[in-house]
Amino acid sequence: MKQTEVTVGGPSWAEITTADPAAAKAFYGELFGWRAETDPRPEAGGYTVMHLGDAAAAGLSPLYGPAQRTAWTVSFAVQDADATVARVTTAGGQVLMEPMEVLDIGRFAVVADPSGAAFSLWQARTFAGASVFNDPGALGWVELLTRDTAGAEAFYPAVFGWTVNAGESYTQWGLAGADFGGMLAMGEQFPPDLPPHWLPYFAVGDVDGTAARAATLGGEVLMPPTSVPAGPRIAVLRDPQGAAFGVYLAGTEG
């Protein structure tokens, strides 16, 4: 990710909602060295910011309803959540949660692209999002997995103004040409019942060691460590509660 700070239109935060917050805090604390700080205010609903040193790295929250499942969600920074929601619907997307105020820290909405891949919009007030990117243990890339790549290439630039760098097998998203994420077509290697989704990738100092450590901690290796041609070494993992995420070798950002 060429982004080193929160930029409007780019990824600002990754958040896991989980059925077992205590287990998730332990797993990711061991895997990435994150330190959990849970907001003590009752109205915060147990929301936790996971820190890398003193820097905010990712969010963690309990499931707030039966419709939710344990999963990672990617948030994108916007100047105006309501206006962005309007662009989402105009471009054929869905509104899953209307814009709402989150205490005094920002305005938030959950939407989905026309294929059903959900993501969040974050209009910052006192909290901008992640304060560290690309360092080991920090967010470093976001990837859309979808069966409708053409639809995505029309939708996301219309909503966010992203640039599209399309290759033969992989497409990269950017802001003014500075890539921060990509898109992978979901082919036959993916289970037919797996819905389109956004996957966060976190930087690590040792992809192979991190994958092995995740398995030791009760997680699962969905895609074993692989060196991407002309790209980084990556792996896709799943935590013990079922949330998928990626890791890549720090220092190999495009």
Protein backbone atom coordinates (compact mmCIF):
# COMPACT_ATOMS: atom_id res chain seq x y z
CA MET A 1 0.00 0.00 0.00
CA LYS A 2 1.51 3.31 -1.05
CA GLN A 3 -0.77 5.03 1.44
CA THR A 4 1.02 5.91 4.68
CA GLU A 5 -1.80 7.84 6.34
CA VAL A 6 -5.57 7.98 6.10
CA THR A 7 -6.56 9.52 2.76
CA VAL A 8 -10.10 10.39 1.67
CA GLY A 9 -11.28 7.65 -0.66
CA GLY A 10 -8.76 5.13 0.60
CA PRO A 11 -8.90 2.45 3.29
CA SER A 12 -8.89 3.91 6.78
CA TRP A 13 -9.64 1.00 9.09
CA ALA A 14 -10.13 -2.75 9.33
CA GLU A 15 -12.47 -4.11 11.96
CA ILE A 16 -13.41 -7.58 13.10
CA THR A 17 -16.83 -8.35 14.54
CA THR A 18 -16.63 -11.58 16.47
CA ALA A 19 -18.71 -13.96 18.54
CA ASP A 20 -15.83 -14.32 21.00
CA PRO A 21 -14.06 -10.99 21.60
CA ALA A 22 -11.85 -12.37 24.38
CA ALA A 23 -10.55 -15.18 22.16
CA ALA A 24 -10.01 -12.77 19.25
CA LYS A 25 -8.03 -10.38 21.45
CA ALA A 26 -5.82 -13.25 22.56
CA PHE A 27 -5.32 -14.66 19.04
CA TYR A 28 -4.43 -11.38 17.33
CA GLY A 29 -2.42 -10.20 20.32
CA GLU A 30 -0.24 -13.28 20.00
CA LEU A 31 -0.10 -13.16 16.19
CA PHE A 32 0.51 -9.46 15.56
CA GLY A 33 1.57 -8.14 18.95
CA TRP A 34 -1.57 -6.04 19.26
CA ARG A 35 -2.59 -4.52 22.58
CA ALA A 36 -6.32 -4.26 23.27
CA GLU A 37 -7.95 -1.13 24.68
CA THR A 38 -11.70 -1.54 25.22
CA ASP A 39 -13.82 1.61 25.48
CA PRO A 40 -15.30 1.53 29.02
CA ARG A 41 -18.34 3.64 28.14
CA PRO A 42 -21.54 1.54 28.17
CA GLU A 43 -22.71 3.23 24.97
CA ALA A 44 -19.56 1.97 23.19
CA GLY A 45 -20.88 -1.60 23.41
CA GLY A 46 -17.52 -3.18 24.20
CA TYR A 47 -15.76 -1.72 21.16
CA THR A 48 -12.02 -2.32 21.30
CA VAL A 49 -9.15 -0.61 19.51
CA MET A 50 -6.21 -2.89 18.90
CA HIS A 51 -2.92 -1.01 19.14
CA LEU A 52 0.49 -1.64 17.65
CA GLY A 53 2.64 0.07 20.23
CA ASP A 54 0.79 3.34 20.77
CA ALA A 55 -0.71 3.41 17.25
CA ALA A 56 -4.30 2.42 16.48
CA ALA A 57 -4.07 -0.60 14.15
CA ALA A 58 -7.52 -2.20 13.90
CA GLY A 59 -10.91 -2.49 15.57
CA LEU A 60 -12.70 -5.33 17.33
CA SER A 61 -16.31 -5.54 18.41
CA PRO A 62 -18.79 -8.15 19.59
CA LEU A 63 -21.60 -9.23 17.29
CA TYR A 64 -24.47 -6.78 17.71
CA GLY A 65 -27.24 -8.90 16.22
CA PRO A 66 -28.17 -12.35 14.89
CA ALA A 67 -27.69 -11.22 11.29
CA GLN A 68 -23.99 -10.54 11.87
CA ARG A 69 -21.28 -13.14 11.50
CA THR A 70 -17.68 -13.25 12.61
CA ALA A 71 -15.76 -11.48 9.85
CA TRP A 72 -13.37 -8.68 8.98
CA THR A 73 -14.75 -5.50 7.41
CA VAL A 74 -12.79 -2.79 5.56
CA SER A 75 -13.69 0.89 6.00
CA PHE A 76 -12.97 3.67 3.52
CA ALA A 77 -12.50 7.31 4.49
CA VAL A 78 -15.06 9.78 3.13
CA GLN A 79 -15.67 13.49 3.59
CA ASP A 80 -19.45 13.11 3.66
CA ALA A 81 -20.99 9.73 4.51
CA ASP A 82 -24.48 10.75 3.39
CA ALA A 83 -23.31 12.00 0.01
CA THR A 84 -21.24 8.85 -0.51
CA VAL A 85 -24.23 6.65 0.34
CA ALA A 86 -26.18 8.51 -2.32
CA ARG A 87 -23.44 7.73 -4.87
CA VAL A 88 -23.49 4.08 -3.80
CA THR A 89 -27.20 3.75 -4.51
CA THR A 90 -26.94 5.67 -7.79
CA ALA A 91 -24.19 3.29 -8.90
CA GLY A 92 -26.32 0.24 -8.10
CA GLY A 93 -25.11 -0.62 -4.61
CA GLN A 94 -27.08 -1.31 -1.45
CA VAL A 95 -27.31 0.46 1.90
CA LEU A 96 -27.02 -2.09 4.72
CA MET A 97 -26.86 0.47 7.53
CA GLU A 98 -27.88 4.09 7.07
CA PRO A 99 -25.39 6.78 8.16
CA MET A 100 -25.29 7.19 11.92
CA GLU A 101 -23.24 9.08 14.47
CA VAL A 102 -20.75 7.03 16.49
CA LEU A 103 -20.42 8.85 19.79
CA ASP A 104 -18.25 11.91 19.08
CA ILE A 105 -15.72 10.13 16.90
CA GLY A 106 -17.30 9.97 13.45
CA ARG A 107 -20.21 9.17 11.15
CA PHE A 108 -20.54 5.64 9.88
CA ALA A 109 -22.48 3.66 7.27
CA VAL A 110 -22.37 0.12 5.90
CA VAL A 111 -23.00 -0.48 2.22
CA ALA A 112 -22.46 -3.14 -0.42
CA ASP A 113 -21.47 -3.07 -4.06
CA PRO A 114 -23.86 -4.50 -6.71
CA SER A 115 -22.40 -8.00 -6.25
CA GLY A 116 -23.04 -7.90 -2.50
CA ALA A 117 -19.53 -7.25 -1.18
CA ALA A 118 -20.01 -5.21 2.00
CA PHE A 119 -17.76 -2.40 3.21
CA SER A 120 -18.00 0.57 5.55
CA LEU A 121 -17.80 4.32 5.10
CA TRP A 122 -16.12 6.41 7.77
CA GLN A 123 -16.50 10.18 8.05
CA ALA A 124 -13.99 11.10 10.72
CA ARG A 125 -14.54 13.55 13.53
CA THR A 126 -12.20 12.92 16.48
CA PHE A 127 -10.97 9.53 15.19
CA ALA A 128 -9.51 9.24 11.69
CA GLY A 129 -8.82 5.50 11.68
CA ALA A 130 -5.55 3.61 11.60
CA SER A 131 -2.53 5.65 12.58
CA VAL A 132 -0.02 3.15 11.21
CA PHE A 133 0.18 1.41 7.82
CA ASN A 134 2.60 -1.09 6.27
CA ASP A 135 4.63 -1.76 9.42
CA PRO A 136 4.64 -5.37 10.66
CA GLY A 137 1.28 -5.88 12.34
CA ALA A 138 -0.40 -3.00 10.51
CA LEU A 139 -2.88 -2.85 7.65
CA GLY A 140 -1.09 -2.79 4.31
CA TRP A 141 -3.45 -3.83 1.50
CA VAL A 142 -7.17 -4.42 0.88
CA GLU A 143 -8.52 -6.83 -1.71
CA LEU A 144 -11.93 -7.28 -3.28
CA LEU A 145 -12.87 -10.85 -4.18
CA THR A 146 -15.78 -10.85 -6.61
CA ARG A 147 -17.40 -12.75 -9.46
CA ASP A 148 -18.27 -9.49 -11.25
CA THR A 149 -15.02 -7.70 -11.97
CA ALA A 150 -16.52 -5.58 -14.76
CA GLY A 151 -19.27 -4.37 -12.48
CA ALA A 152 -16.75 -3.52 -9.77
CA GLU A 153 -14.60 -1.57 -12.22
CA ALA A 154 -17.64 0.59 -12.99
CA PHE A 155 -18.94 0.89 -9.42
CA TYR A 156 -15.93 1.85 -7.30
CA PRO A 157 -14.54 4.63 -9.50
CA ALA A 158 -18.05 6.10 -9.64
CA VAL A 159 -18.30 6.09 -5.84
CA PHE A 160 -14.74 6.95 -4.81
CA GLY A 161 -12.95 8.18 -7.93
CA TRP A 162 -10.47 5.31 -7.82
CA THR A 163 -8.01 4.65 -10.61
CA VAL A 164 -8.01 1.17 -12.14
CA ASN A 165 -4.80 -0.59 -13.08
CA ALA A 166 -6.01 -3.78 -14.77
CA GLY A 167 -3.64 -6.66 -15.45
CA GLU A 168 -4.22 -10.05 -17.04
CA SER A 169 -5.05 -11.79 -13.77
CA TYR A 170 -5.24 -9.02 -11.18
CA THR A 171 -6.55 -5.47 -10.98
CA GLN A 172 -5.19 -2.79 -8.65
CA TRP A 173 -7.13 0.10 -7.17
CA GLY A 174 -5.53 3.47 -6.56
CA LEU A 175 -6.00 7.13 -5.77
CA ALA A 176 -4.31 9.35 -8.34
CA GLY A 177 -2.42 6.25 -9.45
CA ALA A 178 -1.08 5.36 -5.98
CA ASP A 179 -2.33 1.79 -5.49
CA PHE A 180 -3.70 0.70 -2.13
CA GLY A 181 -5.64 -2.44 -3.00
CA GLY A 182 -6.65 -4.94 -5.59
CA MET A 183 -9.35 -7.15 -7.04
CA LEU A 184 -9.31 -10.89 -7.61
CA ALA A 185 -11.87 -12.72 -9.74
CA MET A 186 -13.50 -15.56 -7.80
CA GLY A 187 -13.14 -18.60 -10.02
CA GLU A 188 -13.80 -22.27 -9.52
CA GLN A 189 -11.21 -22.45 -6.75
CA PHE A 190 -13.68 -20.64 -4.47
CA PRO A 191 -16.68 -22.43 -2.90
CA PRO A 192 -19.85 -21.43 -4.80
CA ASP A 193 -21.56 -20.37 -1.58
CA LEU A 194 -18.73 -18.00 -0.58
CA PRO A 195 -20.05 -14.47 -1.13
CA PRO A 196 -18.01 -11.61 -2.63
CA HIS A 197 -16.13 -9.77 0.09
CA TRP A 198 -13.30 -7.43 1.01
CA LEU A 199 -10.21 -8.97 2.59
CA PRO A 200 -7.70 -6.96 4.64
CA TYR A 201 -4.00 -7.82 4.43
CA PHE A 202 -1.65 -7.08 7.32
CA ALA A 203 2.10 -6.66 6.95
CA VAL A 204 4.33 -9.16 8.76
CA GLY A 205 8.06 -9.70 9.02
CA ASP A 206 7.83 -13.42 8.22
CA VAL A 207 4.90 -14.77 6.19
CA ASP A 208 5.79 -18.44 6.66
CA GLY A 209 6.35 -18.03 10.38
CA THR A 210 3.11 -16.09 10.80
CA ALA A 211 1.11 -18.75 8.96
CA ALA A 212 2.62 -21.48 11.13
CA ARG A 213 1.98 -19.45 14.26
CA ALA A 214 -1.66 -18.86 13.29
CA ALA A 215 -2.18 -22.62 12.92
CA THR A 216 -0.52 -23.25 16.29
CA LEU A 217 -2.91 -20.72 17.85
CA GLY A 218 -5.94 -22.58 16.51
CA GLY A 219 -6.36 -20.79 13.20
CA GLU A 220 -6.28 -22.23 9.70
CA VAL A 221 -4.13 -21.61 6.63
CA LEU A 222 -6.54 -21.08 3.72
CA MET A 223 -3.81 -20.25 1.21
CA PRO A 224 -0.28 -21.35 2.13
CA PRO A 225 2.58 -18.88 1.85
CA THR A 226 3.04 -18.05 -1.82
CA SER A 227 5.40 -15.73 -3.66
CA VAL A 228 3.39 -13.68 -6.15
CA PRO A 229 5.19 -13.15 -9.49
CA ALA A 230 6.59 -9.59 -9.43
CA GLY A 231 4.83 -9.17 -6.09
CA PRO A 232 5.14 -9.94 -2.38
CA ARG A 233 5.02 -13.20 -0.48
CA ILE A 234 1.50 -13.64 0.89
CA ALA A 235 -0.77 -16.05 2.73
CA VAL A 236 -4.47 -16.10 3.58
CA LEU A 237 -5.42 -17.25 7.06
CA ARG A 238 -8.54 -17.79 9.14
CA ASP A 239 -8.78 -17.17 12.86
CA PRO A 240 -10.28 -19.74 15.27
CA GLN A 241 -13.70 -18.03 15.06
CA GLY A 242 -13.78 -18.18 11.25
CA ALA A 243 -12.71 -14.68 10.11
CA ALA A 244 -10.42 -14.66 7.06
CA PHE A 245 -7.56 -12.21 6.56
CA GLY A 246 -4.35 -11.98 4.58
CA VAL A 247 -0.72 -11.33 5.46
CA TYR A 248 2.14 -10.17 3.25
CA LEU A 249 5.83 -9.52 3.67
CA ALA A 250 6.42 -6.03 5.04
CA GLY A 251 8.61 -3.78 2.92
CA THR A 252 7.36 -5.19 -0.40
CA GLU A 253 4.57 -2.68 -0.99
CA GLY A 254 4.17 -1.84 -4.67
